[in-house]
Amino acid sequence: MSEVAAVDQVEEWEFEAPAHLQYWPAHVHPTGPGSWDKPRLFPTLREAIAAAASDPDPSAGVAWILTSGGHTLRAVDIETLWLDQQAVQASGRAESQPS
């Protein structure tokens, strides 16, 4: 069974492993058998995070991600990881520009 994870519990290898993204109404918590009934599968967790963060019209409400390591990421975790990814990318661009 999956566990709701703190961002720092997600292991580095999980970012390059497949992940499931699914939306639920705000009052639903994704636990129990069959709860991940219509997930979108992404080749990597990074891609699932990007999709959830950049979706202009979430189909049914709140995004949740299930990682290959069995961690369940809440919307607040997804946002934190998205901002971390953006900061790393911006840092990489800044370092690669000539001075």
Protein backbone atom coordinates (compact mmCIF):
# COMPACT_ATOMS: atom_id res chain seq x y z
CA MET A 1 0.00 0.00 0.00
CA SER A 2 1.27 3.47 -0.81
CA GLU A 3 2.09 6.04 1.80
CA VAL A 4 1.73 9.80 1.65
CA ALA A 5 5.32 10.97 1.52
CA ALA A 6 7.09 14.08 2.61
CA VAL A 7 9.08 15.57 -0.26
CA ASP A 8 12.38 14.57 1.38
CA GLN A 9 11.27 10.91 1.48
CA VAL A 10 11.22 10.62 -2.30
CA GLU A 11 14.41 8.84 -3.32
CA GLU A 12 16.59 10.13 -6.16
CA TRP A 13 16.01 7.05 -8.35
CA GLU A 14 12.24 7.66 -8.25
CA PHE A 15 12.63 10.85 -10.31
CA GLU A 16 13.73 8.81 -13.35
CA ALA A 17 11.23 5.98 -12.80
CA PRO A 18 7.62 5.78 -14.09
CA ALA A 19 4.90 7.56 -12.13
CA HIS A 20 1.10 7.78 -12.16
CA LEU A 21 -0.81 11.07 -12.11
CA GLN A 22 -4.50 11.17 -11.26
CA TYR A 23 -6.96 13.90 -10.27
CA TRP A 24 -9.68 13.68 -7.62
CA PRO A 25 -12.21 16.08 -6.14
CA ALA A 26 -10.76 17.94 -3.15
CA HIS A 27 -12.70 15.84 -0.62
CA VAL A 28 -11.29 12.50 -1.86
CA HIS A 29 -8.10 10.90 -0.52
CA PRO A 30 -6.51 8.33 -2.86
CA THR A 31 -6.20 5.24 -0.67
CA GLY A 32 -7.69 1.81 -0.74
CA PRO A 33 -8.11 -0.87 -3.39
CA GLY A 34 -8.98 0.46 -6.81
CA SER A 35 -8.46 4.07 -5.87
CA TRP A 36 -5.94 4.63 -8.69
CA ASP A 37 -8.48 3.57 -11.31
CA LYS A 38 -7.74 6.06 -14.12
CA PRO A 39 -4.17 7.25 -13.77
CA ARG A 40 -2.07 8.77 -16.53
CA LEU A 41 1.25 6.94 -16.73
CA PHE A 42 4.42 8.98 -17.30
CA PRO A 43 7.87 7.60 -18.16
CA THR A 44 9.40 9.58 -15.27
CA LEU A 45 8.31 11.24 -12.06
CA ARG A 46 9.82 14.50 -13.37
CA GLU A 47 7.42 14.39 -16.35
CA ALA A 48 4.43 13.64 -14.12
CA ILE A 49 5.34 16.60 -11.88
CA ALA A 50 5.68 18.89 -14.91
CA ALA A 51 2.32 17.74 -16.30
CA ALA A 52 0.53 18.26 -13.00
CA ALA A 53 2.12 21.67 -12.44
CA SER A 54 1.48 22.97 -15.94
CA ASP A 55 -2.02 21.57 -16.56
CA PRO A 56 -4.14 24.67 -17.25
CA ASP A 57 -7.41 22.85 -16.64
CA PRO A 58 -7.21 19.93 -14.20
CA SER A 59 -9.96 17.54 -15.18
CA ALA A 60 -11.34 16.67 -11.77
CA GLY A 61 -9.69 18.82 -9.16
CA VAL A 62 -6.63 17.97 -7.13
CA ALA A 63 -3.55 16.26 -8.57
CA TRP A 64 -1.95 13.30 -6.81
CA ILE A 65 1.09 11.32 -7.98
CA LEU A 66 1.99 7.73 -7.15
CA THR A 67 5.73 7.10 -7.52
CA SER A 68 7.40 3.82 -8.47
CA GLY A 69 8.67 3.64 -4.90
CA GLY A 70 5.09 3.55 -3.61
CA HIS A 71 5.00 7.12 -2.33
CA THR A 72 1.87 9.22 -2.79
CA LEU A 73 2.54 12.89 -3.46
CA ARG A 74 -0.07 15.50 -2.55
CA ALA A 75 -0.63 18.72 -4.50
CA VAL A 76 1.57 20.68 -2.08
CA ASP A 77 4.39 18.14 -2.58
CA ILE A 78 4.00 18.33 -6.35
CA GLU A 79 4.24 22.12 -6.22
CA THR A 80 7.36 21.98 -4.03
CA LEU A 81 9.06 19.48 -6.34
CA TRP A 82 8.08 21.53 -9.41
CA LEU A 83 9.60 24.67 -7.91
CA ASP A 84 12.75 22.69 -7.02
CA GLN A 85 13.00 21.42 -10.61
CA GLN A 86 12.57 24.95 -11.97
CA ALA A 87 15.28 26.29 -9.65
CA VAL A 88 17.72 23.57 -10.73
CA GLN A 89 17.01 24.28 -14.40
CA ALA A 90 17.44 28.02 -13.89
CA SER A 91 20.68 27.43 -12.02
CA GLY A 92 21.97 25.24 -14.85
CA ARG A 93 21.11 27.88 -17.43
CA ALA A 94 22.83 30.60 -15.39
CA GLU A 95 25.99 28.51 -15.04
CA SER A 96 26.13 27.72 -18.76
CA GLN A 97 25.89 31.34 -19.91
CA PRO A 98 29.18 33.06 -20.81
CA SER A 99 30.31 35.80 -18.48
